[in-house]
N, C-alpha and C. Protein backbone atom coordinates (compact mmCIF):
# COMPACT_ATOMS: atom_id res chain seq x y z
N MET A 1 106.92 90.51 84.40
CA MET A 1 108.09 90.05 84.68
C MET A 1 108.59 89.67 83.06
N GLY A 2 109.46 89.76 82.40
CA GLY A 2 109.57 89.30 80.74
C GLY A 2 109.41 87.83 81.02
N ALA A 3 109.83 87.22 79.66
CA ALA A 3 110.03 85.99 79.47
C ALA A 3 111.02 85.06 80.01
N ARG A 4 112.30 85.77 80.43
CA ARG A 4 113.36 85.06 80.91
C ARG A 4 113.76 86.40 82.50
N GLU A 5 114.10 85.65 83.21
CA GLU A 5 114.58 86.25 84.58
C GLU A 5 115.85 85.77 85.21
N ALA A 6 116.85 86.39 85.49
CA ALA A 6 117.93 86.11 85.78
C ALA A 6 118.92 86.72 86.82
N TRP A 7 118.58 86.31 87.99
CA TRP A 7 118.89 86.84 89.39
C TRP A 7 120.23 85.94 90.08
N GLY A 8 120.83 86.33 90.57
CA GLY A 8 121.79 85.70 91.88
C GLY A 8 122.37 84.65 91.07
N GLY A 9 122.37 84.80 89.68
CA GLY A 9 123.49 83.82 88.86
C GLY A 9 122.32 82.78 88.41
N MET A 10 120.94 82.46 88.49
CA MET A 10 119.76 81.91 88.44
C MET A 10 119.16 82.26 87.11
N GLU A 11 118.68 81.18 86.06
CA GLU A 11 118.05 82.39 85.27
C GLU A 11 116.93 81.02 84.87
N TRP A 12 115.50 81.62 84.37
CA TRP A 12 113.93 80.88 84.52
C TRP A 12 113.38 82.12 83.10
N ARG A 13 112.77 80.75 82.36
CA ARG A 13 112.14 81.21 81.55
C ARG A 13 110.27 80.42 81.90
N PHE A 14 109.24 81.39 81.60
CA PHE A 14 108.49 80.69 82.28
C PHE A 14 107.54 80.68 81.28
N THR A 15 106.84 79.62 80.39
CA THR A 15 106.03 79.65 79.59
C THR A 15 104.52 79.90 79.44
N ARG A 16 104.06 81.06 79.27
CA ARG A 16 102.62 81.15 79.05
C ARG A 16 101.43 80.57 78.75
N THR A 17 100.33 80.55 79.64
CA THR A 17 99.39 79.53 79.65
C THR A 17 97.98 80.05 78.85
N ARG A 18 97.55 79.09 78.15
CA ARG A 18 96.00 79.65 78.27
C ARG A 18 95.45 78.38 77.62
N LEU A 19 93.86 78.22 77.76
CA LEU A 19 92.87 77.25 78.00
C LEU A 19 93.51 76.03 78.80
N ARG A 20 94.48 76.30 79.39
CA ARG A 20 94.59 75.07 80.63
C ARG A 20 95.43 76.11 81.68
N GLU A 21 94.94 75.46 82.89
CA GLU A 21 95.43 75.77 84.57
C GLU A 21 97.17 76.40 84.55
N GLY A 22 96.96 77.68 84.94
CA GLY A 22 98.76 78.20 84.50
C GLY A 22 98.29 79.05 86.56
N TYR A 23 99.82 79.33 86.60
CA TYR A 23 99.44 80.47 87.73
C TYR A 23 99.36 82.13 87.53
N ALA A 24 98.58 82.37 88.35
CA ALA A 24 98.22 83.90 87.59
C ALA A 24 99.65 84.72 87.89
N VAL A 25 99.81 85.50 86.48
CA VAL A 25 100.84 86.57 86.39
C VAL A 25 101.34 87.22 87.44
N ALA A 26 100.88 87.97 87.60
CA ALA A 26 100.93 88.71 88.76
C ALA A 26 101.23 88.66 89.70
N ASP A 27 100.63 87.48 90.27
CA ASP A 27 100.97 87.06 91.47
C ASP A 27 102.28 86.52 91.67
N VAL A 28 102.77 85.87 90.60
CA VAL A 28 104.31 85.60 90.28
C VAL A 28 105.29 86.20 90.54
N ASP A 29 104.70 87.66 89.78
CA ASP A 29 105.49 88.63 89.59
C ASP A 29 105.96 88.86 91.01
N ALA A 30 104.83 89.24 91.64
CA ALA A 30 105.06 90.11 93.11
C ALA A 30 106.01 89.39 93.63
N PHE A 31 105.68 87.50 93.58
CA PHE A 31 106.52 87.16 94.59
C PHE A 31 108.24 87.11 93.96
N MET A 32 108.37 86.91 92.98
CA MET A 32 109.50 86.95 92.01
C MET A 32 110.36 88.32 92.74
N GLU A 33 109.49 89.02 92.81
CA GLU A 33 110.44 90.33 93.18
C GLU A 33 110.92 90.42 94.27
N LEU A 34 110.29 89.56 95.36
CA LEU A 34 111.01 89.26 96.64
C LEU A 34 111.95 88.43 96.51
N VAL A 35 111.93 87.48 95.69
CA VAL A 35 113.04 86.39 95.26
C VAL A 35 114.23 87.34 94.89
N ARG A 36 114.30 88.21 93.99
CA ARG A 36 114.92 88.89 93.50
C ARG A 36 115.64 89.72 93.99
N SER A 37 115.28 90.15 94.86
CA SER A 37 115.71 91.04 96.04
C SER A 37 116.61 90.51 97.53
N SER A 38 116.22 89.31 97.64
CA SER A 38 116.82 88.19 98.48
C SER A 38 117.91 87.57 97.71
N LEU A 39 117.70 87.14 96.46
CA LEU A 39 119.20 86.62 95.95
C LEU A 39 120.00 87.80 95.75
N ASP A 40 119.80 89.38 95.32
CA ASP A 40 120.74 89.82 95.06
C ASP A 40 121.54 91.14 96.00
N GLY A 41 120.70 90.27 97.22
CA GLY A 41 121.31 91.37 98.66
C GLY A 41 120.74 92.30 98.72
N THR A 42 119.13 93.15 98.26
CA THR A 42 119.00 94.27 98.05
C THR A 42 117.87 93.81 99.24
N ALA A 43 117.69 93.07 99.54
CA ALA A 43 115.82 93.05 100.19
C ALA A 43 116.64 93.38 102.08
N VAL A 44 115.70 94.25 102.70
CA VAL A 44 115.32 93.85 103.52
C VAL A 44 115.75 93.04 104.74
N VAL A 45 114.67 92.19 104.18
CA VAL A 45 114.47 91.04 105.11
C VAL A 45 114.37 90.24 103.86
N SER A 46 115.37 88.63 104.15
CA SER A 46 115.51 88.05 102.86
C SER A 46 114.28 87.01 103.29
N LEU A 47 114.09 86.71 102.07
CA LEU A 47 112.83 85.32 102.06
C LEU A 47 113.83 84.08 102.94
N THR A 48 113.09 83.00 103.62
CA THR A 48 113.69 81.56 104.16
C THR A 48 113.16 80.68 103.05
N PRO A 49 114.05 79.96 103.38
CA PRO A 49 113.75 78.88 101.84
C PRO A 49 112.19 78.38 102.34
N THR A 50 112.01 78.16 104.10
CA THR A 50 110.95 77.40 104.25
C THR A 50 109.45 78.26 102.99
N GLN A 51 109.71 79.95 103.38
CA GLN A 51 108.69 80.68 102.93
C GLN A 51 108.62 80.68 101.43
N VAL A 52 109.46 80.15 100.59
CA VAL A 52 109.88 79.96 99.40
C VAL A 52 109.15 78.43 99.26
N ARG A 53 109.11 77.41 100.11
CA ARG A 53 108.68 76.06 99.88
C ARG A 53 106.74 76.35 100.17
N GLU A 54 106.62 77.06 100.88
CA GLU A 54 105.18 77.31 101.27
C GLU A 54 104.28 77.93 100.53
N GLN A 55 105.11 79.11 99.50
CA GLN A 55 104.82 79.93 98.60
C GLN A 55 103.39 79.23 97.64
N GLN A 56 102.29 79.86 97.64
CA GLN A 56 101.35 79.16 97.07
C GLN A 56 100.54 80.61 96.04
N PHE A 57 100.46 80.17 94.81
CA PHE A 57 100.08 81.42 93.78
C PHE A 57 98.35 81.14 93.78
N ALA A 58 97.63 82.13 93.19
CA ALA A 58 95.94 81.76 92.63
C ALA A 58 96.69 81.44 91.05
N THR A 59 95.71 80.13 90.56
CA THR A 59 95.55 79.38 89.64
C THR A 59 94.39 80.36 88.71
N VAL A 60 94.94 80.72 87.43
CA VAL A 60 93.58 81.40 86.08
C VAL A 60 93.33 79.83 85.07
N TRP A 61 92.55 80.36 84.64
CA TRP A 61 92.00 79.70 83.34
C TRP A 61 91.70 80.39 82.29
N TRP A 62 91.77 80.49 81.10
CA TRP A 62 91.05 81.54 80.24
C TRP A 62 91.82 82.41 79.83
N ARG A 63 92.83 82.40 80.74
CA ARG A 63 93.85 84.01 80.20
C ARG A 63 95.28 83.18 80.62
N ASP A 64 96.08 84.31 80.46
CA ASP A 64 97.46 83.83 80.41
C ASP A 64 97.74 83.47 82.07
N GLY A 65 98.45 82.74 82.02
CA GLY A 65 98.95 82.28 83.50
C GLY A 65 100.46 81.79 83.31
N TYR A 66 101.23 81.49 84.37
CA TYR A 66 102.44 80.80 83.74
C TYR A 66 102.54 79.53 84.20
N ALA A 67 103.16 78.79 83.53
CA ALA A 67 103.15 77.01 83.55
C ALA A 67 103.60 76.55 84.86
N GLU A 68 103.08 75.64 85.70
CA GLU A 68 102.79 75.62 86.87
C GLU A 68 103.99 74.89 87.15
N ASP A 69 104.56 73.82 86.38
CA ASP A 69 105.60 73.37 86.65
C ASP A 69 107.05 73.54 86.42
N GLU A 70 106.82 74.91 86.22
CA GLU A 70 108.19 75.42 85.30
C GLU A 70 108.36 76.71 86.78
N VAL A 71 107.30 76.95 87.27
CA VAL A 71 107.41 78.02 88.25
C VAL A 71 108.11 77.17 89.76
N ASP A 72 107.43 76.27 89.69
CA ASP A 72 107.45 75.21 90.65
C ASP A 72 109.18 75.04 90.52
N ALA A 73 109.64 74.71 89.84
CA ALA A 73 111.05 74.40 89.47
C ALA A 73 112.02 75.20 89.75
N ALA A 74 111.30 76.40 89.47
CA ALA A 74 112.14 77.78 89.84
C ALA A 74 112.23 77.93 91.56
N LEU A 75 111.22 77.80 91.76
CA LEU A 75 111.20 77.97 93.32
C LEU A 75 111.87 77.13 93.96
N ASP A 76 112.03 75.77 93.56
CA ASP A 76 113.08 74.37 94.31
C ASP A 76 114.18 75.17 94.19
N GLU A 77 114.71 75.49 93.09
CA GLU A 77 116.22 76.12 92.85
C GLU A 77 116.40 77.41 93.71
N VAL A 78 115.67 78.34 93.71
CA VAL A 78 115.70 78.96 94.97
C VAL A 78 115.48 79.18 96.25
N GLU A 79 114.97 77.61 96.27
CA GLU A 79 114.89 77.36 98.42
C GLU A 79 116.37 76.71 98.37
N VAL A 80 116.64 76.08 97.35
CA VAL A 80 118.20 75.47 97.46
C VAL A 80 119.04 76.36 97.58
N ARG A 81 119.06 77.36 96.82
CA ARG A 81 120.22 78.61 96.74
C ARG A 81 119.93 79.31 98.14
N LEU A 82 119.29 79.75 98.49
CA LEU A 82 118.76 80.41 99.97
C LEU A 82 119.17 79.56 101.15
N ALA A 83 118.94 78.03 100.76
CA ALA A 83 119.48 77.29 102.14
C ALA A 83 120.81 77.20 102.19
N GLU A 84 121.08 77.06 101.16
CA GLU A 84 123.24 77.32 100.94
C GLU A 84 123.48 78.45 101.79
N ARG A 85 122.89 79.55 101.80
CA ARG A 85 123.47 80.87 102.00
C ARG A 85 123.33 80.84 103.55
N ALA A 86 121.92 80.40 103.87
CA ALA A 86 121.65 79.65 105.21
C ALA A 86 122.54 79.30 105.92
N ALA A 87 123.04 78.22 105.43
CA ALA A 87 124.22 77.58 105.95
C ALA A 87 125.41 77.93 106.50
N GLY A 88 126.03 78.41 105.36
CA GLY A 88 127.07 79.36 105.22
C GLY A 88 127.03 80.63 106.26
N ASP A 89 126.08 81.36 106.39
CA ASP A 89 125.98 82.22 107.77
C ASP A 89 126.13 81.41 108.62
N ALA A 90 125.09 80.63 109.11
CA ALA A 90 125.29 79.71 110.41
C ALA A 90 126.99 79.26 110.29
N ARG A 91 127.26 79.27 109.76
CA ARG A 91 128.86 79.02 109.93
C ARG A 91 129.92 79.88 110.43
N GLY A 92 129.30 81.25 110.16
CA GLY A 92 129.98 82.98 110.27
C GLY A 92 130.07 82.74 111.87
N PRO A 93 131.13 84.00 112.15
CA PRO A 93 130.90 84.71 113.36
C PRO A 93 129.64 84.71 114.41
N ALA A 94 129.85 84.31 115.55
CA ALA A 94 128.91 84.10 116.38
C ALA A 94 128.22 85.47 116.89
N ILE A 95 127.17 86.22 117.39
CA ILE A 95 127.36 87.17 117.91
C ILE A 95 127.68 87.24 119.48
N SER A 96 127.95 88.91 119.71
CA SER A 96 128.77 88.84 120.72
C SER A 96 127.70 88.51 121.76
N SER A 97 127.98 88.24 122.96
CA SER A 97 127.16 88.43 123.83
C SER A 97 126.92 89.59 124.91
N ASP A 98 127.96 90.50 124.68
CA ASP A 98 127.56 92.11 124.93
C ASP A 98 126.23 92.63 124.45
N LEU A 99 126.13 92.24 123.22
CA LEU A 99 125.19 93.00 123.22
C LEU A 99 123.42 92.99 123.96
N GLY A 100 123.69 92.15 125.25
CA GLY A 100 122.58 91.88 125.95
C GLY A 100 121.54 90.78 125.11
N ALA A 101 120.65 89.92 126.59
CA ALA A 101 119.68 89.08 126.48
C ALA A 101 118.88 89.27 125.38
N ASP A 102 117.89 90.67 125.55
CA ASP A 102 117.29 90.71 124.42
C ASP A 102 117.75 91.55 123.09
N ALA A 103 118.89 91.77 122.86
CA ALA A 103 119.10 92.07 121.26
C ALA A 103 118.81 91.25 120.57
N VAL A 104 119.20 90.05 120.46
CA VAL A 104 118.97 89.02 119.11
C VAL A 104 117.51 89.05 119.05
N PRO A 105 116.64 88.65 119.96
CA PRO A 105 115.23 88.63 119.46
C PRO A 105 114.39 90.02 119.47
N THR A 106 114.71 90.76 119.58
CA THR A 106 114.36 92.12 119.18
C THR A 106 114.90 92.15 117.73
N ARG A 107 116.01 92.36 117.36
CA ARG A 107 116.17 92.39 115.73
C ARG A 107 115.55 91.20 115.12
N MET A 108 115.48 90.11 115.51
CA MET A 108 114.28 89.23 114.76
C MET A 108 112.99 89.78 114.77
N ASP A 109 112.17 90.32 115.85
CA ASP A 109 111.02 90.68 115.87
C ASP A 109 110.99 91.62 114.41
N VAL A 110 112.02 92.44 114.70
CA VAL A 110 111.86 93.87 113.84
C VAL A 110 111.75 93.18 112.28
N ALA A 111 113.06 92.29 112.20
CA ALA A 111 112.84 91.74 110.42
C ALA A 111 111.81 90.74 110.15
N ALA A 112 111.38 90.19 111.07
CA ALA A 112 110.00 89.29 110.90
C ALA A 112 108.39 90.80 110.63
N ASN A 113 108.69 91.60 111.28
CA ASN A 113 107.42 92.52 110.95
C ASN A 113 107.78 93.23 109.24
N ARG A 114 109.28 93.54 109.01
CA ARG A 114 109.43 94.23 107.90
C ARG A 114 109.36 93.37 107.15
N PHE A 115 109.43 92.13 106.93
CA PHE A 115 109.03 91.21 106.05
C PHE A 115 107.98 90.86 105.71
N ALA A 116 106.82 90.85 107.13
CA ALA A 116 105.32 90.61 106.91
C ALA A 116 104.76 91.88 106.22
N GLU A 117 105.04 92.91 106.80
CA GLU A 117 104.70 94.04 106.06
C GLU A 117 104.95 93.93 104.41
N ALA A 118 106.22 94.19 103.80
CA ALA A 118 106.64 94.06 102.64
C ALA A 118 105.82 92.92 101.79
N ARG A 119 105.51 91.66 102.51
CA ARG A 119 104.76 90.64 101.64
C ARG A 119 103.49 91.05 101.24
N ALA A 120 102.62 91.86 102.64
CA ALA A 120 101.43 92.16 102.76
C ALA A 120 101.53 93.23 101.45
N GLU A 121 102.13 94.06 101.23
CA GLU A 121 102.16 95.19 100.44
C GLU A 121 101.91 94.28 98.67
N ALA A 122 103.01 93.06 98.75
CA ALA A 122 103.36 92.85 97.69
C ALA A 122 101.87 92.09 97.36
N ASP A 123 101.48 91.14 98.54
CA ASP A 123 99.68 90.83 97.75
C ASP A 123 98.99 91.26 97.32
N VAL A 124 98.81 93.06 98.38
CA VAL A 124 97.81 93.95 97.84
C VAL A 124 98.37 94.21 96.26
N LYS A 125 99.15 94.55 95.93
CA LYS A 125 99.70 95.16 94.50
C LYS A 125 99.55 94.13 93.63
N ALA A 126 99.47 92.85 93.93
CA ALA A 126 99.22 92.09 93.00
C ALA A 126 98.27 91.43 91.96
N VAL A 127 97.16 92.02 93.16
CA VAL A 127 95.50 92.35 92.34
C VAL A 127 95.54 93.41 91.39
N ALA A 128 96.36 94.56 91.98
CA ALA A 128 96.18 95.64 91.25
C ALA A 128 97.17 95.29 89.64
N LEU A 129 98.10 94.63 89.71
CA LEU A 129 98.36 94.60 88.64
C LEU A 129 98.19 93.61 87.42
N ARG A 130 97.23 92.77 87.98
CA ARG A 130 96.08 92.19 87.21
C ARG A 130 95.22 92.90 85.79
N PRO A 131 95.10 92.40 84.90
CA PRO A 131 94.26 93.34 84.30
C PRO A 131 93.25 94.06 84.67
N ALA A 132 92.32 95.03 84.57
CA ALA A 132 90.71 94.96 84.63
C ALA A 132 90.03 94.63 84.36
N LEU A 133 88.89 94.22 85.03
CA LEU A 133 88.14 92.80 84.63
C LEU A 133 87.73 91.96 85.09
N GLU A 134 89.49 91.49 85.68
CA GLU A 134 90.08 90.19 85.34
C GLU A 134 90.67 89.86 86.88
N ARG A 135 90.38 90.92 88.02
CA ARG A 135 91.24 91.32 88.99
C ARG A 135 91.08 89.87 90.00
N PHE A 136 89.74 89.46 90.36
CA PHE A 136 89.75 87.97 90.83
C PHE A 136 89.11 87.15 89.85
N GLU A 137 88.66 85.59 90.57
CA GLU A 137 88.35 84.74 89.83
C GLU A 137 86.55 85.36 90.09
N LEU A 138 85.95 84.63 88.32
CA LEU A 138 84.73 85.05 88.33
C LEU A 138 83.85 83.71 88.82
N VAL A 139 82.58 84.33 89.77
CA VAL A 139 81.40 82.89 90.08
C VAL A 139 80.13 83.44 89.46
N ARG A 140 79.20 82.18 89.52
CA ARG A 140 77.96 82.66 88.99
C ARG A 140 77.28 84.15 89.63
N ARG A 141 77.72 84.52 90.43
CA ARG A 141 76.87 85.49 91.51
C ARG A 141 77.77 86.67 92.56
N GLY A 142 78.39 86.83 91.87
CA GLY A 142 79.38 88.35 92.69
C GLY A 142 79.70 89.60 92.55
N TYR A 143 80.52 89.91 93.21
CA TYR A 143 80.72 91.45 92.99
C TYR A 143 80.73 91.93 92.03
N ALA A 144 80.07 93.24 91.44
CA ALA A 144 80.14 94.13 90.39
C ALA A 144 81.89 94.38 90.20
N ARG A 145 82.19 93.95 88.79
CA ARG A 145 83.36 93.41 88.26
C ARG A 145 83.98 95.63 88.38
N ASP A 146 83.35 96.62 87.91
CA ASP A 146 83.70 97.78 87.76
C ASP A 146 83.81 98.25 89.10
N GLU A 147 82.95 97.82 90.16
CA GLU A 147 82.63 98.49 91.10
C GLU A 147 83.80 98.31 91.84
N VAL A 148 84.69 96.78 91.91
CA VAL A 148 85.66 96.61 93.02
C VAL A 148 86.74 96.62 91.93
N ASP A 149 87.12 97.16 90.69
CA ASP A 149 88.51 97.65 89.83
C ASP A 149 88.37 99.14 90.56
N LEU A 150 87.01 99.62 90.77
CA LEU A 150 87.47 101.33 90.84
C LEU A 150 88.14 101.18 92.48
N LEU A 151 87.55 100.33 93.29
CA LEU A 151 88.56 99.92 94.73
C LEU A 151 89.77 99.73 94.37
N VAL A 152 89.95 99.24 93.93
CA VAL A 152 91.76 98.43 93.88
C VAL A 152 91.98 99.74 93.34
N ASP A 153 91.96 100.79 92.40
CA ASP A 153 92.52 101.89 91.52
C ASP A 153 92.96 102.81 92.72
N ARG A 154 92.00 103.20 93.64
CA ARG A 154 92.37 103.88 94.51
C ARG A 154 92.83 103.50 95.57
N VAL A 155 93.13 102.51 95.97
CA VAL A 155 94.02 101.80 97.04
C VAL A 155 95.04 101.86 96.25
N MET A 156 95.60 101.48 95.38
CA MET A 156 97.20 101.79 94.75
C MET A 156 97.20 103.59 94.36
N GLU A 157 96.78 104.17 94.42
CA GLU A 157 96.66 105.61 94.31
C GLU A 157 97.04 106.25 95.87
N ALA A 158 96.47 105.08 97.19
CA ALA A 158 96.79 105.70 98.39
C ALA A 158 97.91 105.15 98.37
N LEU A 159 98.47 104.08 98.24
CA LEU A 159 99.46 103.54 98.64
C LEU A 159 100.79 104.08 98.16
N ARG A 160 100.51 104.89 96.79
CA ARG A 160 101.70 105.70 95.81
C ARG A 160 101.54 106.74 96.86
N GLY A 161 100.67 107.33 97.65
CA GLY A 161 100.50 108.66 98.94
C GLY A 161 100.15 109.93 97.76
N ARG A 162 99.13 109.19 96.86
CA ARG A 162 98.78 110.34 96.09
C ARG A 162 97.44 110.60 96.15
N VAL A 163 96.98 109.85 96.97
CA VAL A 163 95.13 110.35 98.01
C VAL A 163 94.71 109.38 99.18
N ARG A 164 94.20 110.17 100.27
CA ARG A 164 93.85 109.87 101.50
C ARG A 164 93.04 108.34 100.90
N LEU A 165 93.23 108.01 102.20
CA LEU A 165 92.28 106.59 102.22
C LEU A 165 92.43 105.52 103.61
N ALA A 166 91.30 106.13 104.39
CA ALA A 166 91.48 105.31 106.02
C ALA A 166 90.95 103.72 105.90
N PRO A 167 91.80 103.00 106.37
CA PRO A 167 91.07 101.99 106.45
C PRO A 167 89.57 101.45 106.58
N GLU A 168 89.27 102.18 107.70
CA GLU A 168 87.36 101.95 107.95
C GLU A 168 86.66 102.64 106.50
N GLU A 169 87.38 103.02 105.47
CA GLU A 169 86.51 103.72 104.37
C GLU A 169 86.93 102.06 103.48
N VAL A 170 87.93 101.16 103.27
CA VAL A 170 88.01 100.25 102.67
C VAL A 170 87.01 99.34 103.23
N LEU A 171 86.47 98.72 104.45
CA LEU A 171 85.77 98.13 105.11
C LEU A 171 84.72 98.58 105.08
N ALA A 172 83.91 99.66 104.52
CA ALA A 172 82.94 100.01 104.99
C ALA A 172 82.31 99.98 103.26
N VAL A 173 82.96 99.50 102.48
CA VAL A 173 82.63 99.72 101.18
C VAL A 173 81.42 98.49 100.77
N ARG A 174 80.43 98.49 99.95
CA ARG A 174 79.69 97.59 99.49
C ARG A 174 79.37 97.72 98.11
N PHE A 175 79.66 96.57 97.49
CA PHE A 175 79.56 96.36 96.24
C PHE A 175 77.95 95.56 96.09
N ASP A 176 77.56 96.05 94.57
CA ASP A 176 76.54 94.96 94.04
C ASP A 176 76.65 93.88 93.94
N VAL A 177 75.93 92.73 94.04
CA VAL A 177 75.79 91.33 93.48
C VAL A 177 75.43 91.36 92.14
N VAL A 178 76.19 90.39 90.88
CA VAL A 178 75.72 90.80 89.87
C VAL A 178 76.16 89.90 89.49
N TRP A 179 75.36 88.89 88.29
CA TRP A 179 75.42 88.09 87.37
C TRP A 179 76.96 87.95 86.94
N ARG A 180 78.04 86.73 86.83
CA ARG A 180 79.31 86.77 86.67
C ARG A 180 79.65 88.18 87.29
N GLY A 181 79.75 87.72 88.65
CA GLY A 181 80.79 88.71 89.42
C GLY A 181 82.05 88.15 89.93
N TYR A 182 82.95 89.08 90.74
CA TYR A 182 83.76 88.57 91.01
C TYR A 182 83.59 87.86 92.65
N ASP A 183 84.41 86.77 92.59
CA ASP A 183 84.35 86.10 93.60
C ASP A 183 84.25 87.04 95.54
N ARG A 184 83.34 86.99 96.24
CA ARG A 184 82.80 87.80 97.05
C ARG A 184 83.94 87.28 98.27
N ALA A 185 84.38 86.42 98.36
CA ALA A 185 85.21 85.44 99.53
C ALA A 185 86.73 86.63 99.42
N ALA A 186 86.82 86.50 98.32
CA ALA A 186 88.12 86.67 97.60
C ALA A 186 88.71 88.28 98.00
N VAL A 187 87.83 89.34 97.34
CA VAL A 187 87.63 90.54 97.55
C VAL A 187 87.28 91.16 99.02
N ASP A 188 86.40 90.45 99.39
CA ASP A 188 86.52 90.52 101.15
C ASP A 188 87.95 90.10 101.51
N GLY A 189 88.60 89.32 101.59
CA GLY A 189 89.81 88.76 101.82
C GLY A 189 91.02 90.19 101.23
N TRP A 190 90.48 90.35 100.42
CA TRP A 190 91.96 91.13 99.56
C TRP A 190 91.12 92.81 100.62
N CYS A 191 90.22 93.43 100.63
CA CYS A 191 89.86 94.74 101.12
C CYS A 191 90.20 94.05 102.74
N ASP A 192 90.15 93.13 103.39
CA ASP A 192 90.79 92.86 105.00
C ASP A 192 92.30 93.35 105.17
N ARG A 193 93.12 92.87 103.88
CA ARG A 193 94.37 92.66 103.98
C ARG A 193 94.99 94.17 103.65
N VAL A 194 93.85 95.13 103.00
CA VAL A 194 94.46 96.28 102.64
C VAL A 194 94.09 97.17 103.86
N ALA A 195 93.28 97.09 104.71
CA ALA A 195 93.21 97.86 106.02
C ALA A 195 93.47 97.03 106.72
N ASP A 196 94.02 96.32 107.04
CA ASP A 196 95.55 95.95 107.88
C ASP A 196 96.80 96.93 107.33
N LEU A 197 97.16 96.61 106.46
CA LEU A 197 98.63 97.52 105.57
C LEU A 197 97.94 99.08 105.83
N LEU A 198 96.81 99.69 105.57
CA LEU A 198 96.67 100.79 105.86
C LEU A 198 96.49 101.54 107.50
N VAL A 199 96.25 100.49 108.32
CA VAL A 199 96.81 100.70 109.94
C VAL A 199 98.08 100.54 109.86
N ARG A 200 98.80 99.70 109.60
CA ARG A 200 100.61 99.79 109.46
C ARG A 200 101.03 101.00 109.76
N ARG A 201 100.39 101.56 108.17
CA ARG A 201 101.32 103.04 107.65
C ARG A 201 100.67 104.08 108.86
N GLN A 202 98.97 104.23 108.98
CA GLN A 202 98.84 104.89 110.14
C GLN A 202 99.64 105.07 111.55
N LEU A 203 100.05 103.97 111.67
CA LEU A 203 100.71 103.46 113.32
C LEU A 203 102.33 104.08 113.12
N GLY A 204 102.77 104.01 111.96
CA GLY A 204 103.93 104.53 111.00
C GLY A 204 104.99 103.44 111.60
N ASP A 205 104.49 102.31 111.59
CA ASP A 205 104.98 101.25 111.40
C ASP A 205 105.63 100.45 110.34
N TRP A 206 105.28 100.98 109.27
CA TRP A 206 105.28 100.74 107.90
C TRP A 206 106.97 101.12 107.38
N GLY A 207 107.84 100.19 106.90
CA GLY A 207 109.36 100.43 106.72
C GLY A 207 110.07 100.47 107.60
């Protein structure tokens, strides 16, 4: 995302931070793509005000991030805009009872599943968008960064349909533990999300 974004009549400029805490740029960018599609009407399932209000981002030090207060203020604006839109929709025409008792819950379930899938992919890709060797927070004893980055790159190739990657392959990967490596819990959690994403695709539930 550039320095300035203007979506749905709303414009924000996020200051880059360094030497102080800020939100991870890739994480914010990935979520703001969901915001963009929600505001311009291209989203399969729009974000809700609650989802925007409860959104959290990873924080970074010693490398570029976005000013937290500015991102928070932008999300406050988005939450208000989505709430106003939801209120307008609620005043619209009622759904016909001819659709049957199960029709509305079924559509709502499908919509919720699609949003969950889109959000899962955004979360997975957010890691890959970070600079190599900086994709997870560093700890004193963690996973070897170059080994993890190789898996991240392969996952992205799989999501683009260029290589085949099975969920069990992701879960079976083992990394060397080294001095100043990636946070092991964060990497393991990301691998779990990748495996879940690949399972959804194998089952044909994606998209």
